[in-house]
Amino acid sequence: MSLRVADRLGVADAVTLANAALGVVAMTAAVFGRPTAAARLILLAAVADGLDGIVARAHGSTEVGPYLDSMADIVSFGTAPALFVFAAAREGWALSEPPLYALATGVAAVFVVFSLVRTALYTVYVGEDETRPGIQNTLAASILAAGYLAGVTAVPVVLAVSAVVSALMMAPVPYPKLRARDALAMGVVQVGAIAAPAALGRLFPRALLVAALAYLTLAPRYYRQ
């Protein structure tokens, strides 16, 4: 039996697979002790994640698309951010003491588990057009990456933020999707944070972090699609 890959995958699926590939490259950067590079690659994967929805609306989606999207999310916004957090901890603390190593490992593991559970539950139980409780794992990963590029590199802060956004992924608070205009504006800032994170006093990653935190805190009450 043939999988008929060419017939069953579309253009949007190719963008989704590029997102997953970027997540793997981000993991490689983290493994080799380059958290800054990993953070930039995670943000680039987030740009690809936004693009696949745009491409799907323009060229149509496939039956396998939602499953590919969920699996790509686990790679790029579950595992990659967790390894990035561990790499950031190793960069700042050297992790020579077993308790510190265990703490960094535990926080990274919690992020992966919460992202995995969230993605699985939403894939099965929540419709594409429904407002979803809990922050998106894309948003959680972007906050961590943008914060690091903005200069928030103190290990206790990175670990604490990781633990908080992990919990928020499962929080019973509804978060609406961004309007297309707002997603485009966010994407432009993301590209700036990726291409020139240190330019103009870290303007782009700081602007991205502020926008992400504003959505995190204000969207449930004030943002409307």
N, C-alpha and C. Protein backbone atom coordinates (compact mmCIF):
# COMPACT_ATOMS: atom_id res chain seq x y z
N MET A 1 0.85 -1.20 0.00
CA MET A 1 0.00 0.00 0.00
C MET A 1 0.88 1.24 0.00
N SER A 2 0.60 2.16 -0.90
CA SER A 2 1.38 3.38 -1.00
C SER A 2 0.81 4.44 -0.06
N LEU A 3 1.70 5.25 0.53
CA LEU A 3 1.25 6.35 1.39
C LEU A 3 0.75 7.54 0.57
N ARG A 4 1.07 7.55 -0.73
CA ARG A 4 0.62 8.63 -1.63
C ARG A 4 0.94 10.00 -1.04
N VAL A 5 2.21 10.17 -0.68
CA VAL A 5 2.64 11.40 0.00
C VAL A 5 2.35 12.62 -0.85
N ALA A 6 2.67 12.56 -2.14
CA ALA A 6 2.48 13.72 -3.02
C ALA A 6 1.02 14.10 -3.14
N ASP A 7 0.13 13.11 -3.07
CA ASP A 7 -1.31 13.38 -3.21
C ASP A 7 -1.94 13.84 -1.91
N ARG A 8 -1.40 13.42 -0.78
CA ARG A 8 -2.07 13.65 0.49
C ARG A 8 -1.49 14.81 1.29
N LEU A 9 -0.34 15.33 0.90
CA LEU A 9 0.23 16.49 1.57
C LEU A 9 0.11 17.72 0.67
N GLY A 10 -0.10 18.87 1.30
CA GLY A 10 -0.25 20.10 0.55
C GLY A 10 0.85 21.10 0.86
N VAL A 11 0.69 22.29 0.30
CA VAL A 11 1.70 23.34 0.50
C VAL A 11 1.78 23.74 1.98
N ALA A 12 0.63 23.86 2.62
CA ALA A 12 0.62 24.22 4.04
C ALA A 12 1.34 23.17 4.88
N ASP A 13 1.19 21.90 4.49
CA ASP A 13 1.88 20.84 5.23
C ASP A 13 3.39 20.96 5.10
N ALA A 14 3.85 21.41 3.94
CA ALA A 14 5.29 21.62 3.75
C ALA A 14 5.81 22.70 4.70
N VAL A 15 5.00 23.75 4.91
CA VAL A 15 5.40 24.80 5.85
C VAL A 15 5.41 24.26 7.28
N THR A 16 4.43 23.42 7.60
CA THR A 16 4.38 22.79 8.92
C THR A 16 5.62 21.93 9.15
N LEU A 17 6.03 21.19 8.14
CA LEU A 17 7.22 20.35 8.26
C LEU A 17 8.47 21.21 8.41
N ALA A 18 8.50 22.36 7.75
CA ALA A 18 9.62 23.29 7.93
C ALA A 18 9.67 23.79 9.36
N ASN A 19 8.50 24.03 9.95
CA ASN A 19 8.42 24.41 11.37
C ASN A 19 9.06 23.34 12.23
N ALA A 20 8.71 22.07 11.99
CA ALA A 20 9.29 20.98 12.78
C ALA A 20 10.79 20.88 12.58
N ALA A 21 11.24 21.07 11.34
CA ALA A 21 12.68 21.01 11.06
C ALA A 21 13.43 22.10 11.82
N LEU A 22 12.85 23.29 11.86
CA LEU A 22 13.47 24.38 12.62
C LEU A 22 13.53 24.04 14.10
N GLY A 23 12.50 23.37 14.60
CA GLY A 23 12.52 22.93 15.99
C GLY A 23 13.67 21.98 16.27
N VAL A 24 13.94 21.08 15.33
CA VAL A 24 15.06 20.14 15.50
C VAL A 24 16.39 20.89 15.49
N VAL A 25 16.52 21.86 14.59
CA VAL A 25 17.76 22.66 14.54
C VAL A 25 17.92 23.44 15.84
N ALA A 26 16.81 23.95 16.39
CA ALA A 26 16.88 24.65 17.68
C ALA A 26 17.34 23.72 18.78
N MET A 27 16.86 22.49 18.76
CA MET A 27 17.30 21.50 19.76
C MET A 27 18.79 21.22 19.63
N THR A 28 19.26 21.13 18.40
CA THR A 28 20.69 20.91 18.17
C THR A 28 21.52 22.05 18.74
N ALA A 29 21.06 23.29 18.50
CA ALA A 29 21.76 24.45 19.04
C ALA A 29 21.80 24.40 20.56
N ALA A 30 20.68 24.00 21.17
CA ALA A 30 20.63 23.91 22.64
C ALA A 30 21.58 22.84 23.15
N VAL A 31 21.61 21.70 22.49
CA VAL A 31 22.49 20.60 22.91
C VAL A 31 23.95 21.03 22.86
N PHE A 32 24.30 21.85 21.88
CA PHE A 32 25.67 22.32 21.75
C PHE A 32 25.95 23.59 22.56
N GLY A 33 25.04 23.92 23.47
CA GLY A 33 25.28 25.03 24.39
C GLY A 33 25.17 26.41 23.77
N ARG A 34 24.23 26.57 22.85
CA ARG A 34 24.03 27.87 22.20
C ARG A 34 22.58 28.32 22.40
N PRO A 35 22.24 28.74 23.62
CA PRO A 35 20.85 29.10 23.90
C PRO A 35 20.34 30.29 23.10
N THR A 36 21.22 31.24 22.78
CA THR A 36 20.78 32.39 21.99
C THR A 36 20.35 31.95 20.60
N ALA A 37 21.14 31.09 19.98
CA ALA A 37 20.77 30.57 18.66
C ALA A 37 19.48 29.75 18.76
N ALA A 38 19.35 28.97 19.81
CA ALA A 38 18.13 28.17 19.99
C ALA A 38 16.91 29.07 20.13
N ALA A 39 17.05 30.17 20.87
CA ALA A 39 15.92 31.09 21.05
C ALA A 39 15.50 31.70 19.71
N ARG A 40 16.47 32.08 18.90
CA ARG A 40 16.15 32.67 17.59
C ARG A 40 15.45 31.65 16.68
N LEU A 41 15.91 30.42 16.73
CA LEU A 41 15.31 29.37 15.91
C LEU A 41 13.90 29.02 16.37
N ILE A 42 13.65 29.07 17.66
CA ILE A 42 12.30 28.84 18.17
C ILE A 42 11.35 29.93 17.66
N LEU A 43 11.81 31.16 17.68
CA LEU A 43 10.97 32.25 17.15
C LEU A 43 10.75 32.09 15.65
N LEU A 44 11.77 31.61 14.93
CA LEU A 44 11.60 31.37 13.50
C LEU A 44 10.58 30.26 13.26
N ALA A 45 10.62 29.23 14.09
CA ALA A 45 9.61 28.17 13.99
C ALA A 45 8.21 28.73 14.25
N ALA A 46 8.11 29.69 15.18
CA ALA A 46 6.81 30.31 15.46
C ALA A 46 6.31 31.09 14.25
N VAL A 47 7.23 31.73 13.52
CA VAL A 47 6.83 32.43 12.29
C VAL A 47 6.28 31.41 11.29
N ALA A 48 6.98 30.28 11.14
CA ALA A 48 6.50 29.23 10.23
C ALA A 48 5.16 28.68 10.67
N ASP A 49 4.96 28.58 11.98
CA ASP A 49 3.69 28.09 12.51
C ASP A 49 2.55 29.03 12.13
N GLY A 50 2.82 30.33 12.15
CA GLY A 50 1.79 31.28 11.72
C GLY A 50 1.57 31.24 10.22
N LEU A 51 2.63 31.01 9.46
CA LEU A 51 2.51 31.00 8.01
C LEU A 51 1.70 29.81 7.51
N ASP A 52 1.81 28.67 8.19
CA ASP A 52 1.09 27.50 7.65
C ASP A 52 -0.42 27.72 7.67
N GLY A 53 -0.92 28.48 8.66
CA GLY A 53 -2.34 28.79 8.67
C GLY A 53 -2.73 29.71 7.53
N ILE A 54 -1.88 30.69 7.24
CA ILE A 54 -2.14 31.60 6.13
C ILE A 54 -2.14 30.84 4.81
N VAL A 55 -1.14 29.97 4.64
CA VAL A 55 -1.05 29.17 3.40
C VAL A 55 -2.23 28.22 3.28
N ALA A 56 -2.66 27.64 4.40
CA ALA A 56 -3.80 26.72 4.36
C ALA A 56 -5.07 27.45 3.92
N ARG A 57 -5.25 28.68 4.40
CA ARG A 57 -6.43 29.43 3.99
C ARG A 57 -6.37 29.81 2.52
N ALA A 58 -5.16 30.04 2.02
CA ALA A 58 -5.01 30.46 0.62
C ALA A 58 -5.07 29.28 -0.35
N HIS A 59 -4.49 28.14 0.04
CA HIS A 59 -4.36 27.01 -0.89
C HIS A 59 -5.13 25.77 -0.45
N GLY A 60 -5.78 25.86 0.70
CA GLY A 60 -6.52 24.71 1.18
C GLY A 60 -5.67 23.85 2.11
N SER A 61 -6.36 23.09 2.94
CA SER A 61 -5.68 22.20 3.88
C SER A 61 -5.94 20.75 3.51
N THR A 62 -5.27 19.85 4.20
CA THR A 62 -5.45 18.42 3.95
C THR A 62 -5.94 17.75 5.23
N GLU A 63 -6.39 16.52 5.09
CA GLU A 63 -6.88 15.79 6.26
C GLU A 63 -5.78 15.56 7.28
N VAL A 64 -4.56 15.38 6.80
CA VAL A 64 -3.45 15.09 7.71
C VAL A 64 -2.87 16.35 8.33
N GLY A 65 -3.24 17.51 7.78
CA GLY A 65 -2.67 18.78 8.24
C GLY A 65 -2.76 19.03 9.73
N PRO A 66 -3.95 18.88 10.35
CA PRO A 66 -4.06 19.13 11.79
C PRO A 66 -3.17 18.21 12.63
N TYR A 67 -3.00 16.97 12.19
CA TYR A 67 -2.15 16.05 12.94
C TYR A 67 -0.67 16.44 12.80
N LEU A 68 -0.28 16.81 11.59
CA LEU A 68 1.10 17.28 11.40
C LEU A 68 1.36 18.52 12.24
N ASP A 69 0.39 19.43 12.28
CA ASP A 69 0.54 20.66 13.04
C ASP A 69 0.73 20.36 14.52
N SER A 70 -0.05 19.44 15.04
CA SER A 70 0.07 19.08 16.45
C SER A 70 1.43 18.46 16.76
N MET A 71 1.89 17.58 15.88
CA MET A 71 3.17 16.93 16.11
C MET A 71 4.32 17.93 15.98
N ALA A 72 4.20 18.86 15.03
CA ALA A 72 5.23 19.88 14.88
C ALA A 72 5.28 20.78 16.11
N ASP A 73 4.12 21.05 16.70
CA ASP A 73 4.08 21.87 17.92
C ASP A 73 4.86 21.21 19.05
N ILE A 74 4.75 19.89 19.17
CA ILE A 74 5.48 19.19 20.22
C ILE A 74 6.99 19.31 20.02
N VAL A 75 7.41 19.27 18.76
CA VAL A 75 8.84 19.39 18.46
C VAL A 75 9.33 20.81 18.74
N SER A 76 8.66 21.80 18.12
CA SER A 76 9.18 23.16 18.13
C SER A 76 8.79 23.97 19.35
N PHE A 77 7.64 23.65 19.97
CA PHE A 77 7.17 24.46 21.09
C PHE A 77 6.96 23.63 22.35
N GLY A 78 7.48 22.41 22.33
CA GLY A 78 7.49 21.58 23.51
C GLY A 78 8.90 21.15 23.86
N THR A 79 9.47 20.32 22.99
CA THR A 79 10.81 19.79 23.25
C THR A 79 11.90 20.84 23.06
N ALA A 80 11.84 21.59 21.97
CA ALA A 80 12.89 22.59 21.71
C ALA A 80 12.97 23.65 22.81
N PRO A 81 11.85 24.24 23.27
CA PRO A 81 11.95 25.20 24.37
C PRO A 81 12.48 24.58 25.66
N ALA A 82 12.10 23.32 25.91
CA ALA A 82 12.60 22.66 27.12
C ALA A 82 14.12 22.52 27.08
N LEU A 83 14.66 22.09 25.95
CA LEU A 83 16.10 21.99 25.81
C LEU A 83 16.76 23.36 25.86
N PHE A 84 16.08 24.36 25.30
CA PHE A 84 16.59 25.72 25.39
C PHE A 84 16.69 26.18 26.85
N VAL A 85 15.67 25.90 27.64
CA VAL A 85 15.69 26.28 29.06
C VAL A 85 16.85 25.58 29.77
N PHE A 86 17.04 24.30 29.47
CA PHE A 86 18.16 23.58 30.09
C PHE A 86 19.49 24.19 29.65
N ALA A 87 19.61 24.53 28.37
CA ALA A 87 20.85 25.13 27.86
C ALA A 87 21.11 26.48 28.51
N ALA A 88 20.04 27.27 28.71
CA ALA A 88 20.20 28.56 29.37
C ALA A 88 20.65 28.39 30.81
N ALA A 89 20.11 27.36 31.49
CA ALA A 89 20.53 27.09 32.86
C ALA A 89 21.98 26.64 32.90
N ARG A 90 22.36 25.79 31.98
CA ARG A 90 23.75 25.32 31.93
C ARG A 90 24.71 26.47 31.62
N GLU A 91 24.27 27.40 30.78
CA GLU A 91 25.10 28.56 30.44
C GLU A 91 25.33 29.44 31.66
N GLY A 92 24.28 29.61 32.48
CA GLY A 92 24.39 30.51 33.61
C GLY A 92 24.95 29.89 34.88
N TRP A 93 24.65 28.62 35.10
CA TRP A 93 25.03 27.97 36.35
C TRP A 93 26.13 26.93 36.19
N ALA A 94 26.40 26.50 34.98
CA ALA A 94 27.35 25.42 34.69
C ALA A 94 26.83 24.06 35.19
N LEU A 95 25.82 24.07 36.07
CA LEU A 95 25.16 22.85 36.56
C LEU A 95 26.13 21.82 37.12
N SER A 96 27.12 22.33 37.84
CA SER A 96 28.11 21.43 38.43
C SER A 96 27.57 20.72 39.68
N GLU A 97 26.55 21.30 40.30
CA GLU A 97 25.97 20.70 41.51
C GLU A 97 24.75 19.86 41.14
N PRO A 98 24.64 18.65 41.64
CA PRO A 98 23.50 17.78 41.31
C PRO A 98 22.13 18.42 41.56
N PRO A 99 21.93 19.15 42.67
CA PRO A 99 20.60 19.76 42.86
C PRO A 99 20.23 20.75 41.76
N LEU A 100 21.21 21.53 41.30
CA LEU A 100 20.94 22.49 40.23
C LEU A 100 20.63 21.76 38.93
N TYR A 101 21.38 20.71 38.66
CA TYR A 101 21.14 19.90 37.46
C TYR A 101 19.74 19.31 37.51
N ALA A 102 19.37 18.78 38.67
CA ALA A 102 18.04 18.18 38.82
C ALA A 102 16.94 19.22 38.65
N LEU A 103 17.16 20.42 39.20
CA LEU A 103 16.15 21.47 39.07
C LEU A 103 15.95 21.87 37.62
N ALA A 104 17.04 22.10 36.90
CA ALA A 104 16.93 22.50 35.50
C ALA A 104 16.28 21.40 34.67
N THR A 105 16.67 20.16 34.93
CA THR A 105 16.09 19.04 34.20
C THR A 105 14.60 18.90 34.50
N GLY A 106 14.24 19.06 35.76
CA GLY A 106 12.84 18.93 36.16
C GLY A 106 11.96 19.98 35.53
N VAL A 107 12.43 21.23 35.52
CA VAL A 107 11.64 22.31 34.91
C VAL A 107 11.47 22.07 33.42
N ALA A 108 12.54 21.64 32.75
CA ALA A 108 12.46 21.35 31.32
C ALA A 108 11.48 20.21 31.06
N ALA A 109 11.52 19.18 31.89
CA ALA A 109 10.62 18.04 31.72
C ALA A 109 9.16 18.44 31.92
N VAL A 110 8.90 19.29 32.89
CA VAL A 110 7.54 19.76 33.14
C VAL A 110 7.00 20.52 31.93
N PHE A 111 7.84 21.33 31.33
CA PHE A 111 7.40 22.09 30.16
C PHE A 111 6.99 21.14 29.04
N VAL A 112 7.80 20.12 28.77
CA VAL A 112 7.48 19.16 27.72
C VAL A 112 6.18 18.43 28.02
N VAL A 113 6.02 17.97 29.25
CA VAL A 113 4.83 17.20 29.62
C VAL A 113 3.56 18.04 29.47
N PHE A 114 3.60 19.28 29.96
CA PHE A 114 2.42 20.13 29.88
C PHE A 114 2.10 20.47 28.42
N SER A 115 3.12 20.72 27.62
CA SER A 115 2.90 21.01 26.22
C SER A 115 2.32 19.81 25.50
N LEU A 116 2.83 18.63 25.82
CA LEU A 116 2.34 17.40 25.20
C LEU A 116 0.88 17.13 25.57
N VAL A 117 0.56 17.26 26.85
CA VAL A 117 -0.82 17.02 27.29
C VAL A 117 -1.77 18.03 26.67
N ARG A 118 -1.37 19.29 26.66
CA ARG A 118 -2.22 20.32 26.06
C ARG A 118 -2.49 20.02 24.59
N THR A 119 -1.45 19.71 23.85
CA THR A 119 -1.61 19.46 22.42
C THR A 119 -2.49 18.25 22.17
N ALA A 120 -2.30 17.18 22.93
CA ALA A 120 -3.11 15.98 22.75
C ALA A 120 -4.58 16.24 23.05
N LEU A 121 -4.85 16.92 24.15
CA LEU A 121 -6.25 17.19 24.53
C LEU A 121 -6.95 18.07 23.51
N TYR A 122 -6.24 19.08 23.01
CA TYR A 122 -6.88 19.97 22.05
C TYR A 122 -7.07 19.31 20.70
N THR A 123 -6.16 18.43 20.33
CA THR A 123 -6.30 17.72 19.06
C THR A 123 -7.55 16.85 19.07
N VAL A 124 -7.86 16.27 20.21
CA VAL A 124 -8.98 15.34 20.30
C VAL A 124 -10.30 16.04 20.63
N TYR A 125 -10.26 17.00 21.57
CA TYR A 125 -11.51 17.48 22.16
C TYR A 125 -11.94 18.90 21.77
N VAL A 126 -11.06 19.68 21.16
CA VAL A 126 -11.39 21.09 20.90
C VAL A 126 -11.38 21.35 19.40
N GLY A 127 -12.45 21.99 18.91
CA GLY A 127 -12.55 22.31 17.49
C GLY A 127 -11.62 23.43 17.09
N GLU A 128 -11.35 23.49 15.80
CA GLU A 128 -10.41 24.47 15.26
C GLU A 128 -10.85 25.90 15.52
N ASP A 129 -12.16 26.16 15.48
CA ASP A 129 -12.67 27.53 15.61
C ASP A 129 -13.09 27.88 17.03
N GLU A 130 -12.89 27.00 17.98
CA GLU A 130 -13.29 27.27 19.35
C GLU A 130 -12.23 28.08 20.09
N THR A 131 -12.69 28.92 21.02
CA THR A 131 -11.76 29.62 21.91
C THR A 131 -11.21 28.61 22.91
N ARG A 132 -9.89 28.59 23.03
CA ARG A 132 -9.26 27.51 23.80
C ARG A 132 -8.75 28.00 25.15
N PRO A 133 -9.07 27.28 26.22
CA PRO A 133 -8.50 27.65 27.52
C PRO A 133 -7.02 27.31 27.58
N GLY A 134 -6.28 28.09 28.35
CA GLY A 134 -4.84 27.88 28.47
C GLY A 134 -4.08 28.59 27.36
N ILE A 135 -2.89 29.05 27.68
CA ILE A 135 -2.11 29.75 26.66
C ILE A 135 -1.56 28.74 25.66
N GLN A 136 -1.39 29.19 24.43
CA GLN A 136 -0.84 28.35 23.38
C GLN A 136 0.62 28.01 23.71
N ASN A 137 1.02 26.77 23.39
CA ASN A 137 2.43 26.44 23.64
C ASN A 137 3.36 27.27 22.77
N THR A 138 2.85 27.76 21.63
CA THR A 138 3.64 28.69 20.82
C THR A 138 3.92 29.97 21.60
N LEU A 139 2.90 30.48 22.29
CA LEU A 139 3.07 31.69 23.09
C LEU A 139 4.03 31.45 24.24
N ALA A 140 3.89 30.32 24.92
CA ALA A 140 4.78 30.01 26.03
C ALA A 140 6.23 29.96 25.57
N ALA A 141 6.47 29.28 24.44
CA ALA A 141 7.83 29.19 23.91
C ALA A 141 8.35 30.55 23.47
N SER A 142 7.48 31.36 22.88
CA SER A 142 7.90 32.68 22.40
C SER A 142 8.26 33.61 23.55
N ILE A 143 7.53 33.51 24.65
CA ILE A 143 7.85 34.33 25.83
C ILE A 143 9.23 33.97 26.35
N LEU A 144 9.52 32.69 26.44
CA LEU A 144 10.83 32.26 26.92
C LEU A 144 11.95 32.73 25.99
N ALA A 145 11.75 32.53 24.68
CA ALA A 145 12.78 32.88 23.71
C ALA A 145 12.96 34.40 23.62
N ALA A 146 11.86 35.14 23.54
CA ALA A 146 11.95 36.59 23.44
C ALA A 146 12.57 37.18 24.70
N GLY A 147 12.19 36.64 25.85
CA GLY A 147 12.76 37.14 27.10
C GLY A 147 14.27 36.97 27.15
N TYR A 148 14.74 35.82 26.71
CA TYR A 148 16.19 35.57 26.73
C TYR A 148 16.90 36.52 25.77
N LEU A 149 16.36 36.70 24.57
CA LEU A 149 16.98 37.60 23.61
C LEU A 149 16.89 39.05 24.06
N ALA A 150 15.88 39.36 24.90
CA ALA A 150 15.72 40.72 25.42
C ALA A 150 16.66 41.00 26.58
N GLY A 151 17.38 39.98 27.04
CA GLY A 151 18.35 40.19 28.12
C GLY A 151 17.94 39.58 29.44
N VAL A 152 16.81 38.88 29.48
CA VAL A 152 16.38 38.23 30.71
C VAL A 152 17.03 36.85 30.75
N THR A 153 18.27 36.81 31.23
CA THR A 153 19.06 35.57 31.16
C THR A 153 19.38 34.99 32.53
N ALA A 154 18.99 35.65 33.62
CA ALA A 154 19.24 35.11 34.96
C ALA A 154 18.55 33.76 35.09
N VAL A 155 19.29 32.75 35.46
CA VAL A 155 18.75 31.38 35.46
C VAL A 155 17.52 31.23 36.35
N PRO A 156 17.51 31.76 37.59
CA PRO A 156 16.30 31.61 38.40
C PRO A 156 15.06 32.20 37.72
N VAL A 157 15.24 33.31 37.00
CA VAL A 157 14.11 33.93 36.31
C VAL A 157 13.66 33.06 35.15
N VAL A 158 14.61 32.56 34.36
CA VAL A 158 14.26 31.70 33.22
C VAL A 158 13.51 30.46 33.70
N LEU A 159 13.98 29.83 34.77
CA LEU A 159 13.32 28.63 35.28
C LEU A 159 11.94 28.96 35.84
N ALA A 160 11.85 30.08 36.54
CA ALA A 160 10.56 30.46 37.13
C ALA A 160 9.53 30.76 36.04
N VAL A 161 9.95 31.50 35.02
CA VAL A 161 9.03 31.82 33.92
C VAL A 161 8.60 30.54 33.20
N SER A 162 9.55 29.63 33.00
CA SER A 162 9.22 28.36 32.36
C SER A 162 8.17 27.60 33.16
N ALA A 163 8.33 27.56 34.47
CA ALA A 163 7.37 26.86 35.32
C ALA A 163 5.99 27.52 35.26
N VAL A 164 5.97 28.86 35.24
CA VAL A 164 4.70 29.58 35.22
C VAL A 164 3.97 29.36 33.89
N VAL A 165 4.68 29.52 32.78
CA VAL A 165 3.99 29.34 31.49
C VAL A 165 3.60 27.89 31.27
N SER A 166 4.33 26.95 31.86
CA SER A 166 3.92 25.54 31.79
C SER A 166 2.55 25.36 32.43
N ALA A 167 2.38 25.93 33.62
CA ALA A 167 1.10 25.83 34.31
C ALA A 167 0.00 26.55 33.54
N LEU A 168 0.33 27.69 32.95
CA LEU A 168 -0.68 28.47 32.23
C LEU A 168 -1.17 27.77 30.97
N MET A 169 -0.37 26.85 30.43
CA MET A 169 -0.84 26.09 29.26
C MET A 169 -2.06 25.24 29.61
N MET A 170 -2.22 24.92 30.88
CA MET A 170 -3.34 24.08 31.32
C MET A 170 -4.37 24.88 32.11
N ALA A 171 -4.19 26.18 32.20
CA ALA A 171 -5.09 27.00 33.01
C ALA A 171 -6.48 27.11 32.36
N PRO A 172 -7.55 27.10 33.17
CA PRO A 172 -8.91 27.18 32.63
C PRO A 172 -9.31 28.61 32.30
N VAL A 173 -8.47 29.29 31.53
CA VAL A 173 -8.72 30.68 31.13
C VAL A 173 -8.76 30.72 29.61
N PRO A 174 -9.84 31.25 29.01
CA PRO A 174 -9.96 31.22 27.54
C PRO A 174 -9.05 32.24 26.87
N TYR A 175 -8.35 31.80 25.84
CA TYR A 175 -7.48 32.68 25.06
C TYR A 175 -7.92 32.65 23.60
N PRO A 176 -8.42 33.77 23.07
CA PRO A 176 -8.85 33.80 21.66
C PRO A 176 -7.65 33.83 20.72
N LYS A 177 -7.88 33.41 19.50
CA LYS A 177 -6.83 33.50 18.49
C LYS A 177 -6.61 34.96 18.10
N LEU A 178 -5.39 35.26 17.66
CA LEU A 178 -5.09 36.60 17.18
C LEU A 178 -5.80 36.85 15.86
N ARG A 179 -6.28 38.08 15.68
CA ARG A 179 -6.77 38.48 14.37
C ARG A 179 -5.61 38.47 13.38
N ALA A 180 -5.93 38.31 12.09
CA ALA A 180 -4.89 38.21 11.06
C ALA A 180 -3.98 39.43 11.07
N ARG A 181 -4.57 40.62 11.24
CA ARG A 181 -3.78 41.85 11.25
C ARG A 181 -2.79 41.86 12.41
N ASP A 182 -3.27 41.44 13.58
CA ASP A 182 -2.40 41.44 14.76
C ASP A 182 -1.32 40.37 14.65
N ALA A 183 -1.69 39.22 14.08
CA ALA A 183 -0.70 38.16 13.89
C ALA A 183 0.39 38.60 12.93
N LEU A 184 0.01 39.35 11.89
CA LEU A 184 1.00 39.86 10.94
C LEU A 184 1.94 40.84 11.61
N ALA A 185 1.39 41.75 12.41
CA ALA A 185 2.23 42.72 13.12
C ALA A 185 3.18 42.02 14.07
N MET A 186 2.69 41.02 14.77
CA MET A 186 3.54 40.24 15.67
C MET A 186 4.64 39.53 14.89
N GLY A 187 4.28 39.02 13.71
CA GLY A 187 5.27 38.33 12.89
C GLY A 187 6.39 39.25 12.44
N VAL A 188 6.06 40.49 12.12
CA VAL A 188 7.08 41.45 11.70
C VAL A 188 8.07 41.70 12.84
N VAL A 189 7.53 41.86 14.04
CA VAL A 189 8.41 42.07 15.20
C VAL A 189 9.25 40.82 15.46
N GLN A 190 8.65 39.65 15.30
CA GLN A 190 9.39 38.40 15.48
C GLN A 190 10.57 38.32 14.51
N VAL A 191 10.33 38.68 13.27
CA VAL A 191 11.40 38.64 12.27
C VAL A 191 12.53 39.57 12.68
N GLY A 192 12.18 40.75 13.19
CA GLY A 192 13.21 41.67 13.68
C GLY A 192 14.00 41.08 14.84
N ALA A 193 13.29 40.41 15.75
CA ALA A 193 13.96 39.79 16.90
C ALA A 193 14.88 38.65 16.47
N ILE A 194 14.50 37.95 15.41
CA ILE A 194 15.32 36.86 14.90
C ILE A 194 16.55 37.40 14.17
N ALA A 195 16.32 38.37 13.28
CA ALA A 195 17.39 38.85 12.41
C ALA A 195 18.38 39.75 13.13
N ALA A 196 17.88 40.57 14.05
CA ALA A 196 18.76 41.54 14.71
C ALA A 196 18.37 41.68 16.17
N PRO A 197 18.59 40.64 16.97
CA PRO A 197 18.14 40.68 18.37
C PRO A 197 18.82 41.75 19.21
N ALA A 198 20.04 42.13 18.85
CA ALA A 198 20.78 43.11 19.67
C ALA A 198 20.65 44.54 19.14
N ALA A 199 19.98 44.72 18.02
CA ALA A 199 19.90 46.05 17.40
C ALA A 199 19.07 47.01 18.24
N LEU A 200 19.51 48.27 18.25
CA LEU A 200 18.75 49.35 18.90
C LEU A 200 18.43 49.02 20.36
N GLY A 201 19.44 48.52 21.05
CA GLY A 201 19.23 48.19 22.46
C GLY A 201 18.24 47.07 22.68
N ARG A 202 18.32 46.03 21.84
CA ARG A 202 17.43 44.86 21.90
C ARG A 202 15.96 45.25 21.72
N LEU A 203 15.73 46.21 20.83
CA LEU A 203 14.38 46.74 20.66
C LEU A 203 13.38 45.67 20.24
N PHE A 204 13.73 44.86 19.23
CA PHE A 204 12.75 43.92 18.69
C PHE A 204 12.38 42.82 19.67
N PRO A 205 13.33 42.14 20.30
CA PRO A 205 12.90 41.12 21.27
C PRO A 205 12.17 41.71 22.47
N ARG A 206 12.55 42.92 22.87
CA ARG A 206 11.84 43.55 23.99
C ARG A 206 10.41 43.92 23.59
N ALA A 207 10.25 44.42 22.37
CA ALA A 207 8.90 44.74 21.90
C ALA A 207 8.07 43.47 21.78
N LEU A 208 8.68 42.40 21.30
CA LEU A 208 7.96 41.13 21.18
C LEU A 208 7.57 40.60 22.55
N LEU A 209 8.46 40.72 23.52
CA LEU A 209 8.18 40.25 24.87
C LEU A 209 7.03 41.05 25.48
N VAL A 210 7.05 42.36 25.31
CA VAL A 210 5.97 43.21 25.84
C VAL A 210 4.64 42.84 25.20
N ALA A 211 4.63 42.65 23.87
CA ALA A 211 3.39 42.29 23.19
C ALA A 211 2.88 40.93 23.66
N ALA A 212 3.79 39.98 23.82
CA ALA A 212 3.38 38.64 24.27
C ALA A 212 2.83 38.67 25.68
N LEU A 213 3.48 39.43 26.55
CA LEU A 213 2.99 39.53 27.94
C LEU A 213 1.67 40.30 28.01
N ALA A 214 1.50 41.29 27.13
CA ALA A 214 0.23 42.02 27.09
C ALA A 214 -0.91 41.09 26.69
N TYR A 215 -0.66 40.26 25.68
CA TYR A 215 -1.67 39.28 25.28
C TYR A 215 -1.93 38.28 26.40
N LEU A 216 -0.87 37.85 27.05
CA LEU A 216 -0.99 36.87 28.13
C LEU A 216 -1.90 37.39 29.25
N THR A 217 -1.72 38.64 29.61
CA THR A 217 -2.44 39.18 30.77
C THR A 217 -3.78 39.82 30.41
N LEU A 218 -3.91 40.37 29.21
CA LEU A 218 -5.10 41.16 28.87
C LEU A 218 -6.08 40.46 27.94
N ALA A 219 -5.58 39.53 27.13
CA ALA A 219 -6.43 38.93 26.10
C ALA A 219 -7.68 38.24 26.65
N PRO A 220 -7.61 37.49 27.75
CA PRO A 220 -8.83 36.80 28.20
C PRO A 220 -10.00 37.73 28.48
N ARG A 221 -9.73 38.96 28.89
CA ARG A 221 -10.82 39.87 29.23
C ARG A 221 -11.11 40.88 28.12
N TYR A 222 -10.06 41.36 27.45
CA TYR A 222 -10.26 42.52 26.57
C TYR A 222 -10.13 42.23 25.07
N TYR A 223 -9.49 41.12 24.72
CA TYR A 223 -9.24 40.89 23.29
C TYR A 223 -10.42 40.18 22.66
N ARG A 224 -10.85 40.67 21.51
CA ARG A 224 -11.95 40.05 20.78
C ARG A 224 -11.52 39.80 19.35
N GLN A 225 -11.90 38.63 18.83
CA GLN A 225 -11.55 38.30 17.46
C GLN A 225 -12.37 39.13 16.48
